[in-house]
Structures are given as C-alpha cells and as structure tokens.
Amino acid sequence: MAGNRFEVFSAGTRPVGLNPNAVTALSEIGINISGNRSKSVDEFAGQEFDYVFTVCDNARESCPIFPGGGKRIHHSFLDPAAVAPDQQLAAFRKVRDEIGTRLRVFIRDQE
C-alpha cells in the first residue's frame, strides 16, 4: 500500500500458527503469506520502531514497550479465529478489509 516507505513487521502476543483462512483471505487480494510463520513480539525485543500497531484489546494490554519512543496506535478488531469455524473465512475477509481501510488512512496521513 505504501510502496517502500515503511519496513513492516508482524507479530503477536500469543502466536498460534498461520491460519489457513488468513492465507485464503489475503490471497484473494494478491497478498501471499503462505510462506510466512506466526511470530511472537518477543522476537523483536530490543528493536526500535517508529510505530507499533495493536489490533485487539488483549494485545494493547499485553504488548511490550518497544524502545525508541515509537507511537502506539490501537484499533480493536474482532478476532476472526474466535468465531464459529463455518464463519471464519467471512470474518477474516471482514477484518482484512477493516485493517486495509485503517492502513490507507494512516498512510494518507503520513504524506
């Protein structure tokens, strides 16, 4: 979305593996994460960030403080893996689109 303006990392407070519905939902918009792996925020301890985005209330409460004075930005989204199995793909699509909207606004505001 922002070209090479940002270096992006992704991690969770309680990683549980790559959800196949996340792979499917993102592949539908041309993003291939099939070779990615679920990472813990602990892997990034000691690293400096300009921004730290949290996407659920639990992450907001338990996310470690990263050095460097990075700005924390929080938006609470439904955990799509927590819905009934037959509704998960639709939930992943919805959250994908909501996150995309928030990211487009963030990128626009950085210009």
Protein backbone atom coordinates (compact mmCIF):
# COMPACT_ATOMS: atom_id res chain seq x y z
CA MET A 1 0.00 0.00 0.00
CA ALA A 2 2.81 2.42 0.78
CA GLY A 3 5.46 1.06 -1.55
CA ASN A 4 8.83 1.05 0.15
CA ARG A 5 8.08 3.94 2.53
CA PHE A 6 7.83 1.64 5.56
CA GLU A 7 9.54 -1.51 6.76
CA VAL A 8 6.82 -3.66 8.28
CA PHE A 9 7.00 -6.49 10.80
CA SER A 10 4.16 -8.60 12.18
CA ALA A 11 3.97 -10.47 15.46
CA GLY A 12 1.51 -11.47 18.13
CA THR A 13 1.39 -11.65 21.88
CA ARG A 14 0.24 -15.29 21.69
CA PRO A 15 1.14 -16.70 18.26
CA VAL A 16 -0.59 -19.96 17.43
CA GLY A 17 0.41 -20.60 13.84
CA LEU A 18 -0.68 -19.40 10.44
CA ASN A 19 -4.43 -19.71 9.98
CA PRO A 20 -5.41 -21.13 6.56
CA ASN A 21 -8.33 -18.68 6.42
CA ALA A 22 -5.89 -15.76 6.76
CA VAL A 23 -3.87 -17.21 3.88
CA THR A 24 -7.03 -17.50 1.75
CA ALA A 25 -8.42 -14.05 2.61
CA LEU A 26 -5.15 -12.31 1.82
CA SER A 27 -4.52 -14.32 -1.35
CA GLU A 28 -7.86 -13.03 -2.64
CA ILE A 29 -6.35 -9.53 -2.74
CA GLY A 30 -2.99 -10.61 -4.13
CA ILE A 31 -1.02 -10.99 -0.89
CA ASN A 32 0.75 -14.33 -0.48
CA ILE A 33 1.53 -15.14 3.16
CA SER A 34 1.64 -18.91 2.69
CA GLY A 35 5.38 -18.98 3.37
CA ASN A 36 5.13 -16.81 6.49
CA ARG A 37 5.14 -18.02 10.06
CA SER A 38 3.46 -16.86 13.22
CA LYS A 39 5.92 -14.83 15.33
CA SER A 40 5.98 -13.63 18.92
CA VAL A 41 6.60 -10.00 19.83
CA ASP A 42 9.44 -11.39 21.96
CA GLU A 43 11.43 -11.93 18.74
CA PHE A 44 11.60 -8.15 18.34
CA ALA A 45 12.71 -7.29 21.88
CA GLY A 46 15.32 -4.54 21.85
CA GLN A 47 14.39 -3.36 18.36
CA GLU A 48 13.30 0.24 17.80
CA PHE A 49 10.08 1.07 15.96
CA ASP A 50 8.52 4.34 14.87
CA TYR A 51 5.01 2.90 15.19
CA VAL A 52 3.54 -0.10 16.97
CA PHE A 53 0.03 -1.08 15.89
CA THR A 54 -2.10 -3.23 18.15
CA VAL A 55 -5.26 -4.78 16.75
CA CYS A 56 -7.08 -6.26 19.72
CA ASP A 57 -7.67 -5.15 23.28
CA ASN A 58 -5.64 -8.04 24.72
CA ALA A 59 -2.63 -7.10 22.60
CA ARG A 60 -2.97 -3.49 23.68
CA GLU A 61 -2.78 -4.54 27.32
CA SER A 62 0.00 -7.12 26.98
CA CYS A 63 2.15 -5.70 24.17
CA PRO A 64 5.64 -4.96 25.41
CA ILE A 65 7.02 -1.46 25.35
CA PHE A 66 9.45 -1.09 22.49
CA PRO A 67 12.36 1.33 22.86
CA GLY A 68 12.83 4.39 20.73
CA GLY A 69 9.65 6.22 21.67
CA GLY A 70 7.57 4.68 18.90
CA LYS A 71 3.97 5.81 18.71
CA ARG A 72 1.42 3.19 19.68
CA ILE A 73 -1.69 3.10 17.52
CA HIS A 74 -4.58 0.91 18.57
CA HIS A 75 -7.68 -0.29 16.75
CA SER A 76 -9.70 -3.14 18.16
CA PHE A 77 -10.83 -5.71 15.59
CA LEU A 78 -12.82 -8.89 16.02
CA ASP A 79 -10.54 -11.93 16.33
CA PRO A 80 -11.64 -13.85 13.23
CA ALA A 81 -10.18 -17.10 14.56
CA ALA A 82 -12.54 -16.88 17.55
CA VAL A 83 -15.78 -17.16 15.54
CA ALA A 84 -17.52 -20.40 14.59
CA PRO A 85 -15.48 -22.43 12.08
CA ASP A 86 -18.09 -22.09 9.32
CA GLN A 87 -17.99 -18.27 9.69
CA GLN A 88 -14.22 -17.80 9.95
CA LEU A 89 -13.40 -17.11 6.30
CA ALA A 90 -16.04 -14.38 6.16
CA ALA A 91 -14.69 -12.94 9.42
CA PHE A 92 -11.12 -12.95 8.07
CA ARG A 93 -12.31 -11.13 4.95
CA LYS A 94 -14.14 -8.52 7.04
CA VAL A 95 -11.15 -7.88 9.30
CA ARG A 96 -8.82 -7.82 6.28
CA ASP A 97 -10.92 -5.08 4.74
CA GLU A 98 -11.22 -3.12 8.00
CA ILE A 99 -7.45 -3.22 8.56
CA GLY A 100 -6.89 -2.19 4.95
CA THR A 101 -9.13 0.85 5.44
CA ARG A 102 -7.28 1.87 8.62
CA LEU A 103 -3.90 1.43 6.92
CA ARG A 104 -4.92 3.55 3.93
CA VAL A 105 -5.93 6.36 6.31
CA PHE A 106 -2.66 6.04 8.23
CA ILE A 107 -0.59 6.12 5.04
CA ARG A 108 -2.51 9.11 3.72
CA ASP A 109 -1.96 10.97 6.99
CA GLN A 110 1.82 10.40 6.77
CA GLU A 111 2.10 12.24 3.45
